[in-house]
């Protein structure tokens, strides 16, 4: 299945619609430019999900990013 390209703003909006907190959108955009969205979100967000595509309350992008860096 082919995925449709999403802009950085669209990617952030998807995360926010799933109740992920993104306190610094500009910093997150820079990070997403250097790191593949699907690698970090699909690979490291599962511990933070309360159900499919919906994050636990108060989960931040930085927490997912920290887990990604810890694993690397």
Protein backbone atom coordinates (compact mmCIF):
# COMPACT_ATOMS: atom_id res chain seq x y z
CA UNK A 1 0.00 0.00 0.00
CA UNK A 2 1.41 3.37 -0.99
CA UNK A 3 1.34 6.19 1.56
CA UNK A 4 0.41 9.71 0.50
CA UNK A 5 3.04 12.38 1.16
CA UNK A 6 2.16 14.66 4.08
CA UNK A 7 3.68 18.06 4.74
CA UNK A 8 5.29 18.74 8.11
CA UNK A 9 2.23 20.73 9.15
CA UNK A 10 -0.03 17.84 8.16
CA UNK A 11 2.12 15.36 10.07
CA UNK A 12 1.96 17.50 13.21
CA UNK A 13 -1.78 17.97 12.80
CA UNK A 14 -2.25 14.18 12.60
CA UNK A 15 -0.32 13.77 15.86
CA UNK A 16 -2.30 16.51 17.58
CA UNK A 17 -5.59 14.99 16.38
CA UNK A 18 -4.46 11.79 18.09
CA UNK A 19 -4.04 13.80 21.33
CA UNK A 20 -0.26 13.97 21.26
CA UNK A 21 1.05 17.19 22.78
CA UNK A 22 3.45 19.09 20.55
CA UNK A 23 4.67 22.01 22.70
CA UNK A 24 7.21 23.37 20.19
CA UNK A 25 6.00 22.89 16.63
CA UNK A 26 9.02 24.53 15.00
CA UNK A 27 11.43 22.29 16.91
CA UNK A 28 9.30 19.26 16.00
CA UNK A 29 9.33 20.24 12.31
CA UNK A 30 13.12 20.46 12.34
CA UNK A 31 13.29 17.05 13.99
CA UNK A 32 10.91 15.50 11.47
CA UNK A 33 13.03 16.88 8.63
CA UNK A 34 16.04 14.96 9.90
CA UNK A 35 14.26 11.80 11.11
CA UNK A 36 11.75 9.72 9.23
CA UNK A 37 8.22 10.25 10.60
CA UNK A 38 7.27 6.61 10.20
CA UNK A 39 10.43 5.34 11.88
CA UNK A 40 9.84 7.33 15.04
CA UNK A 41 6.04 7.32 15.24
CA UNK A 42 5.34 3.78 14.04
CA UNK A 43 8.41 2.38 15.76
CA UNK A 44 8.33 4.11 19.13
CA UNK A 45 4.88 5.43 19.95
CA UNK A 46 3.21 2.12 20.88
CA UNK A 47 4.04 2.34 24.63
CA UNK A 48 2.26 5.71 24.68
CA UNK A 49 -0.99 4.61 23.03
CA UNK A 50 -4.15 3.97 25.03
CA UNK A 51 -5.89 2.65 21.93
CA UNK A 52 -5.11 2.53 18.24
CA UNK A 53 -4.16 6.04 17.06
CA UNK A 54 -4.96 7.73 20.39
CA UNK A 55 -2.25 8.68 22.86
CA UNK A 56 -2.33 8.50 26.63
CA UNK A 57 -3.22 11.78 28.34
CA UNK A 58 -0.36 14.30 28.50
CA UNK A 59 1.95 12.33 26.20
CA UNK A 60 4.36 14.61 24.36
CA UNK A 61 6.29 14.28 21.14
CA UNK A 62 9.48 14.76 23.18
CA UNK A 63 8.73 11.58 25.16
CA UNK A 64 8.49 9.54 21.98
CA UNK A 65 11.62 11.22 20.63
CA UNK A 66 13.47 10.41 23.87
CA UNK A 67 12.56 6.72 23.60
CA UNK A 68 13.78 6.75 19.99
CA UNK A 69 17.14 8.25 21.05
CA UNK A 70 17.46 5.87 23.99
CA UNK A 71 17.02 2.89 21.68
CA UNK A 72 19.52 4.23 19.16
